[in-house]
Protein backbone atom coordinates (compact mmCIF):
# COMPACT_ATOMS: atom_id res chain seq x y z
CA UNK A 1 -172.85 -62.46 -137.46
CA UNK A 2 -171.32 -65.35 -139.36
CA UNK A 3 -173.28 -66.27 -142.47
CA UNK A 4 -173.07 -69.86 -143.60
CA UNK A 5 -174.72 -69.23 -146.95
CA UNK A 6 -173.95 -66.56 -149.54
CA UNK A 7 -175.14 -67.34 -153.07
CA UNK A 8 -175.87 -65.44 -156.24
CA UNK A 9 -178.78 -67.18 -157.96
CA UNK A 10 -180.35 -66.84 -161.39
CA UNK A 11 -184.14 -66.93 -161.56
CA UNK A 12 -185.01 -68.47 -164.94
CA UNK A 13 -188.65 -67.39 -164.68
CA UNK A 14 -187.80 -63.69 -164.28
CA UNK A 15 -184.43 -63.93 -166.10
CA UNK A 16 -182.97 -62.10 -163.12
CA UNK A 17 -180.05 -62.44 -160.65
CA UNK A 18 -180.61 -62.46 -156.85
CA UNK A 19 -178.36 -62.62 -153.79
CA UNK A 20 -179.25 -65.03 -151.00
CA UNK A 21 -177.48 -65.03 -147.64
CA UNK A 22 -178.18 -66.22 -144.14
CA UNK A 23 -177.53 -68.44 -141.22
CA UNK A 24 -179.32 -71.56 -140.02
CA UNK A 25 -183.11 -71.21 -140.02
CA UNK A 26 -183.27 -67.76 -141.71
CA UNK A 27 -182.09 -66.52 -145.11
CA UNK A 28 -182.45 -63.14 -146.77
CA UNK A 29 -182.99 -62.48 -150.46
CA UNK A 30 -181.67 -59.23 -151.92
CA UNK A 31 -183.43 -58.33 -155.16
CA UNK A 32 -182.47 -55.17 -157.05
CA UNK A 33 -185.90 -55.16 -158.75
CA UNK A 34 -187.83 -55.79 -155.51
CA UNK A 35 -190.30 -58.04 -157.26
CA UNK A 36 -191.95 -61.10 -155.92
CA UNK A 37 -190.02 -64.35 -156.00
CA UNK A 38 -191.41 -67.12 -158.17
CA UNK A 39 -192.38 -70.36 -156.47
CA UNK A 40 -189.49 -72.08 -158.30
CA UNK A 41 -187.02 -69.58 -156.82
CA UNK A 42 -188.49 -69.94 -153.32
CA UNK A 43 -188.23 -73.71 -153.64
CA UNK A 44 -184.58 -73.46 -154.76
CA UNK A 45 -183.75 -71.18 -151.83
CA UNK A 46 -185.46 -73.48 -149.33
CA UNK A 47 -183.75 -76.55 -150.82
CA UNK A 48 -180.31 -74.92 -150.44
CA UNK A 49 -181.05 -73.59 -146.97
CA UNK A 50 -182.65 -76.61 -145.36
CA UNK A 51 -186.07 -77.69 -144.21
CA UNK A 52 -187.92 -75.19 -142.04
CA UNK A 53 -185.79 -72.21 -143.07
CA UNK A 54 -187.51 -68.84 -143.04
CA UNK A 55 -187.02 -66.89 -146.31
CA UNK A 56 -187.22 -63.08 -146.12
CA UNK A 57 -187.10 -60.83 -149.20
CA UNK A 58 -185.71 -57.30 -148.81
CA UNK A 59 -187.83 -54.42 -150.05
CA UNK A 60 -185.24 -51.79 -149.04
CA UNK A 61 -182.00 -52.78 -150.78
CA UNK A 62 -180.58 -50.56 -153.51
CA UNK A 63 -182.66 -50.74 -156.68
CA UNK A 64 -181.45 -50.80 -160.27
CA UNK A 65 -182.83 -48.21 -162.70
CA UNK A 66 -182.81 -50.35 -165.84
CA UNK A 67 -183.38 -53.94 -166.91
CA UNK A 68 -179.77 -54.94 -167.45
CA UNK A 69 -177.78 -54.41 -164.22
CA UNK A 70 -179.18 -57.11 -161.92
CA UNK A 71 -176.03 -59.26 -162.16
CA UNK A 72 -173.82 -56.36 -161.09
CA UNK A 73 -176.13 -55.56 -158.17
CA UNK A 74 -176.27 -59.22 -157.09
CA UNK A 75 -172.46 -59.47 -157.07
CA UNK A 76 -172.15 -56.16 -155.20
CA UNK A 77 -174.67 -57.33 -152.57
CA UNK A 78 -172.79 -60.64 -152.14
CA UNK A 79 -169.44 -58.85 -151.83
CA UNK A 80 -170.89 -56.51 -149.19
CA UNK A 81 -172.19 -59.46 -147.16
CA UNK A 82 -168.90 -61.39 -147.39
CA UNK A 83 -166.85 -58.35 -146.36
CA UNK A 84 -169.12 -57.72 -143.37
CA UNK A 85 -170.77 -54.56 -144.66
CA UNK A 86 -174.06 -53.26 -143.37
CA UNK A 87 -177.15 -54.27 -145.34
CA UNK A 88 -180.34 -52.69 -144.10
CA UNK A 89 -183.22 -55.09 -144.14
């Protein structure tokens, strides 16, 4: 599948990095803390992705074990997507 969107975003509310990727009408959010997205983050994702886009948040991606590694995980997730690796959703 060809993804037209791959972004690493910073959530200022949670002070946390996320990876967003997808194709028209559906985007996936990979969150190494598997928390809930703030409304501001959801709005930012929908604004980037276009009106009517479905936003799905993964609960099964690899999770970090501390409070400091989210940036590394977000970059690793983005790299995996760009290189065509398998991300289980």
